[in-house]
C-alpha atoms as a PDB file:
ATOM      1  CA  MET A   1      30.425 -18.793 -31.903  1.00  0.00           C
ATOM      2  CA  VAL A   2      28.412 -15.518 -31.929  1.00  0.00           C
ATOM      3  CA  ARG A   3      29.771 -12.683 -29.802  1.00  0.00           C
ATOM      4  CA  CYS A   4      27.520 -10.493 -27.601  1.00  0.00           C
ATOM      5  CA  ASP A   5      27.733  -7.430 -29.868  1.00  0.00           C
ATOM      6  CA  GLN A   6      26.784  -9.592 -32.852  1.00  0.00           C
ATOM      7  CA  MET A   7      23.762 -11.020 -30.975  1.00  0.00           C
ATOM      8  CA  GLY A   8      22.345  -7.490 -30.599  1.00  0.00           C
ATOM      9  CA  LYS A   9      22.757  -6.866 -34.315  1.00  0.00           C
ATOM     10  CA  VAL A  10      21.109 -10.198 -35.171  1.00  0.00           C
ATOM     11  CA  ALA A  11      18.162  -9.429 -32.871  1.00  0.00           C
ATOM     12  CA  MET A  12      17.769  -5.961 -34.398  1.00  0.00           C
ATOM     13  CA  LEU A  13      17.906  -7.373 -37.919  1.00  0.00           C
ATOM     14  CA  ARG A  14      15.334 -10.018 -37.008  1.00  0.00           C
ATOM     15  CA  THR A  15      13.017  -7.325 -35.572  1.00  0.00           C
ATOM     16  CA  LEU A  16      13.363  -5.207 -38.727  1.00  0.00           C
ATOM     17  CA  LEU A  17      12.605  -8.193 -40.957  1.00  0.00           C
ATOM     18  CA  VAL A  18       9.480  -9.074 -38.960  1.00  0.00           C
ATOM     19  CA  ALA A  19       8.299  -5.435 -39.047  1.00  0.00           C
ATOM     20  CA  ALA A  20       8.856  -5.281 -42.823  1.00  0.00           C
ATOM     21  CA  ALA A  21       6.916  -8.523 -43.326  1.00  0.00           C
ATOM     22  CA  ILE A  22       3.992  -7.212 -41.274  1.00  0.00           C
ATOM     23  CA  ALA A  23       3.980  -3.879 -43.142  1.00  0.00           C
ATOM     24  CA  ALA A  24       3.926  -5.703 -46.477  1.00  0.00           C
ATOM     25  CA  THR A  25       0.692  -7.475 -45.528  1.00  0.00           C
ATOM     26  CA  LEU A  26      -1.186  -4.297 -44.527  1.00  0.00           C
ATOM     27  CA  PRO A  27      -3.551  -2.749 -47.102  1.00  0.00           C
ATOM     28  CA  ALA A  28      -2.354   0.373 -48.866  1.00  0.00           C
ATOM     29  CA  GLN A  29      -3.568   3.705 -47.510  1.00  0.00           C
ATOM     30  CA  ALA A  30      -6.729   4.734 -49.339  1.00  0.00           C
ATOM     31  CA  GLN A  31      -6.397   7.764 -51.602  1.00  0.00           C
ATOM     32  CA  THR A  32      -8.882  10.581 -51.016  1.00  0.00           C
ATOM     33  CA  THR A  33     -10.304  11.972 -54.264  1.00  0.00           C
ATOM     34  CA  LEU A  34     -12.489  14.961 -55.096  1.00  0.00           C
ATOM     35  CA  ARG A  35     -15.191  14.212 -57.665  1.00  0.00           C
ATOM     36  CA  CYS A  36     -17.623  16.779 -59.047  1.00  0.00           C
ATOM     37  CA  GLY A  37     -20.754  16.304 -61.113  1.00  0.00           C
ATOM     38  CA  TRP A  38     -24.490  15.824 -60.988  1.00  0.00           C
ATOM     39  CA  TYR A  39     -25.851  15.018 -57.555  1.00  0.00           C
ATOM     40  CA  HIS A  40     -29.007  12.951 -58.091  1.00  0.00           C
ATOM     41  CA  ASN A  41     -31.647  12.301 -55.452  1.00  0.00           C
ATOM     42  CA  PRO A  42     -34.200  10.464 -57.628  1.00  0.00           C
ATOM     43  CA  THR A  43     -36.125   8.570 -54.938  1.00  0.00           C
ATOM     44  CA  PRO A  44     -36.103   8.138 -51.148  1.00  0.00           C
ATOM     45  CA  GLY A  45     -32.832   6.739 -49.859  1.00  0.00           C
ATOM     46  CA  ASN A  46     -31.000   7.004 -53.190  1.00  0.00           C
ATOM     47  CA  ALA A  47     -28.192   9.522 -53.679  1.00  0.00           C
ATOM     48  CA  ILE A  48     -25.810   9.361 -56.630  1.00  0.00           C
ATOM     49  CA  LEU A  49     -22.933  11.542 -57.766  1.00  0.00           C
ATOM     50  CA  GLN A  50     -22.399  11.236 -61.521  1.00  0.00           C
ATOM     51  CA  ASP A  51     -19.152  12.608 -62.872  1.00  0.00           C
ATOM     52  CA  ALA A  52     -17.404  12.084 -66.205  1.00  0.00           C
ATOM     53  CA  ASP A  53     -16.072   8.696 -65.063  1.00  0.00           C
ATOM     54  CA  ASP A  54     -18.997   6.878 -63.478  1.00  0.00           C
ATOM     55  CA  GLN A  55     -22.028   6.909 -61.215  1.00  0.00           C
ATOM     56  CA  TRP A  56     -20.967   6.908 -57.561  1.00  0.00           C
ATOM     57  CA  TRP A  57     -23.679   5.611 -55.207  1.00  0.00           C
ATOM     58  CA  LEU A  58     -23.524   7.471 -51.902  1.00  0.00           C
ATOM     59  CA  SER A  59     -26.746   6.006 -50.546  1.00  0.00           C
ATOM     60  CA  ARG A  60     -28.948   3.229 -51.854  1.00  0.00           C
ATOM     61  CA  GLN A  61     -32.459   2.493 -50.670  1.00  0.00           C
ATOM     62  CA  GLY A  62     -32.580  -0.533 -48.380  1.00  0.00           C
ATOM     63  CA  ASN A  63     -28.841  -0.395 -47.620  1.00  0.00           C
ATOM     64  CA  ALA A  64     -26.713   1.524 -45.170  1.00  0.00           C
ATOM     65  CA  PRO A  65     -25.335   4.747 -46.679  1.00  0.00           C
ATOM     66  CA  VAL A  66     -21.636   5.032 -47.388  1.00  0.00           C
ATOM     67  CA  PRO A  67     -19.675   5.840 -44.203  1.00  0.00           C
ATOM     68  CA  GLY A  68     -19.606   9.596 -43.651  1.00  0.00           C
ATOM     69  CA  PHE A  69     -22.376  10.371 -46.148  1.00  0.00           C
ATOM     70  CA  GLU A  70     -25.138  11.240 -43.690  1.00  0.00           C
ATOM     71  CA  ASP A  71     -22.989  13.745 -41.774  1.00  0.00           C
ATOM     72  CA  ALA A  72     -21.676  15.286 -44.986  1.00  0.00           C
ATOM     73  CA  TYR A  73     -25.194  15.470 -46.445  1.00  0.00           C
ATOM     74  CA  THR A  74     -26.690  17.157 -43.388  1.00  0.00           C
ATOM     75  CA  THR A  75     -23.846  19.673 -43.224  1.00  0.00           C
ATOM     76  CA  THR A  76     -24.047  20.509 -46.933  1.00  0.00           C
ATOM     77  CA  PHE A  77     -27.659  20.279 -47.956  1.00  0.00           C
ATOM     78  CA  ASP A  78     -29.381  21.131 -44.662  1.00  0.00           C
ATOM     79  CA  ASN A  79     -32.439  19.000 -45.321  1.00  0.00           C
ATOM     80  CA  ARG A  80     -32.823  20.027 -48.985  1.00  0.00           C
ATOM     81  CA  LEU A  81     -32.585  23.802 -48.512  1.00  0.00           C
ATOM     82  CA  ARG A  82     -30.367  24.154 -51.563  1.00  0.00           C
ATOM     83  CA  PHE A  83     -29.467  27.330 -53.375  1.00  0.00           C
ATOM     84  CA  ASP A  84     -29.528  25.742 -56.840  1.00  0.00           C
ATOM     85  CA  TYR A  85     -31.676  22.650 -57.340  1.00  0.00           C
ATOM     86  CA  ALA A  86     -33.721  21.185 -60.177  1.00  0.00           C
ATOM     87  CA  ASP A  87     -36.846  19.605 -58.713  1.00  0.00           C
ATOM     88  CA  GLU A  88     -38.076  16.792 -60.971  1.00  0.00           C
ATOM     89  CA  THR A  89     -41.201  16.100 -58.916  1.00  0.00           C
ATOM     90  CA  THR A  90     -43.369  17.858 -56.381  1.00  0.00           C
ATOM     91  CA  ASP A  91     -41.874  15.664 -53.656  1.00  0.00           C
ATOM     92  CA  GLY A  92     -38.487  17.399 -53.566  1.00  0.00           C
ATOM     93  CA  TYR A  93     -36.549  14.779 -55.525  1.00  0.00           C
ATOM     94  CA  GLY A  94     -34.317  15.893 -58.359  1.00  0.00           C
ATOM     95  CA  TYR A  95     -30.706  16.893 -58.955  1.00  0.00           C
ATOM     96  CA  SER A  96     -28.136  19.551 -58.264  1.00  0.00           C
ATOM     97  CA  CYS A  97     -24.430  19.972 -58.884  1.00  0.00           C
ATOM     98  CA  ALA A  98     -21.966  18.973 -56.180  1.00  0.00           C
ATOM     99  CA  CYS A  99     -18.491  17.777 -55.313  1.00  0.00           C
ATOM    100  CA  ALA A 100     -17.798  14.826 -53.030  1.00  0.00           C
ATOM    101  CA  GLU A 101     -14.484  14.219 -51.355  1.00  0.00           C
ATOM    102  CA  GLY A 102     -13.887  10.646 -50.297  1.00  0.00           C
ATOM    103  CA  VAL A 103     -12.483   7.263 -51.138  1.00  0.00           C
ATOM    104  CA  PHE A 104     -13.727   5.843 -54.443  1.00  0.00           C
ATOM    105  CA  ASP A 105     -12.962   2.411 -55.892  1.00  0.00           C
ATOM    106  CA  GLU A 106     -13.105   2.418 -59.686  1.00  0.00           C
ATOM    107  CA  ASP A 107     -12.651  -1.360 -59.799  1.00  0.00           C
ATOM    108  CA  ALA A 108     -15.594  -2.174 -57.516  1.00  0.00           C
ATOM    109  CA  PRO A 109     -18.988  -3.145 -58.935  1.00  0.00           C
ATOM    110  CA  ALA A 110     -21.776  -0.585 -59.213  1.00  0.00           C
ATOM    111  CA  TYR A 111     -23.489   0.300 -55.935  1.00  0.00           C
ATOM    112  CA  LYS A 112     -20.296  -0.588 -54.034  1.00  0.00           C
ATOM    113  CA  ASN A 113     -17.762   1.781 -55.562  1.00  0.00           C
ATOM    114  CA  VAL A 114     -17.697   4.439 -52.822  1.00  0.00           C
ATOM    115  CA  ARG A 115     -15.809   3.478 -49.665  1.00  0.00           C
ATOM    116  CA  SER A 116     -16.376   6.680 -47.674  1.00  0.00           C
ATOM    117  CA  VAL A 117     -17.324  10.358 -47.977  1.00  0.00           C
ATOM    118  CA  SER A 118     -15.616  13.042 -45.933  1.00  0.00           C
ATOM    119  CA  ARG A 119     -17.181  16.153 -47.467  1.00  0.00           C
ATOM    120  CA  LEU A 120     -19.925  17.267 -49.858  1.00  0.00           C
ATOM    121  CA  THR A 121     -19.967  20.714 -51.423  1.00  0.00           C
ATOM    122  CA  GLU A 122     -22.838  22.106 -53.436  1.00  0.00           C
ATOM    123  CA  ILE A 123     -21.803  24.070 -56.512  1.00  0.00           C
ATOM    124  CA  PRO A 124     -23.933  26.060 -58.992  1.00  0.00           C
ATOM    125  CA  LEU A 125     -25.964  24.072 -61.532  1.00  0.00           C
ATOM    126  CA  SER A 126     -24.356  26.157 -64.267  1.00  0.00           C
ATOM    127  CA  ARG A 127     -20.995  24.507 -63.596  1.00  0.00           C
ATOM    128  CA  CYS A 128     -22.406  21.064 -64.389  1.00  0.00           C
ATOM    129  CA  GLU A 129     -24.522  22.376 -67.258  1.00  0.00           C
ATOM    130  CA  GLN A 130     -21.436  23.865 -68.891  1.00  0.00           C
ATOM    131  CA  ASP A 131     -19.174  20.863 -68.351  1.00  0.00           C
ATOM    132  CA  PRO A 132     -18.983  18.968 -71.682  1.00  0.00           C
ATOM    133  CA  SER A 133     -17.602  15.847 -69.982  1.00  0.00           C
ATOM    134  CA  LEU A 134     -20.804  15.317 -67.979  1.00  0.00           C
ATOM    135  CA  PRO A 135     -23.840  13.502 -69.355  1.00  0.00           C
ATOM    136  CA  THR A 136     -27.244  15.180 -69.368  1.00  0.00           C
ATOM    137  CA  PRO A 137     -28.852  14.714 -65.937  1.00  0.00           C
END
C-alpha cells in the first residue's frame, strides 16, 4: 500500500518525467551566427551573401525573402544609398561587402540555407578585397 507522502513523490516524479519527455521532443534552439563577405545584388529580388563557406541566399526572385531580411536591408542599405558599392550595371545592381547576423543552416540545400536574418551591417569593400578566404566577386 502507498502512503500519502509517497503519493506526492510519485506524482512529482511522474510530472518531471512527462516534462522531460516533452522537452526532448522540442527542436534545439537555433544558433545565431555572424557571417561576413560579399553582398551581391545581381538582379531584382536576388540578394546573396557569399562568405568563405558558401553562398547564403537572403532573397530570391519569385520567393518570399528570408524572415527579417527586408527590415534589416532597409535599416542598413537605405534603398541603395551605400558608402562603398561596386555597381556592375547602370541599373544599380552590383556588390558590396557586408556582415549578416542570423540563423544559417549549412546542411540545407542551396536557396534554403538561411533561416532568418536579424541584422545586416555594411563594411568597407577593402575588407572583402583583402580577405584571402573570399572568392573574387
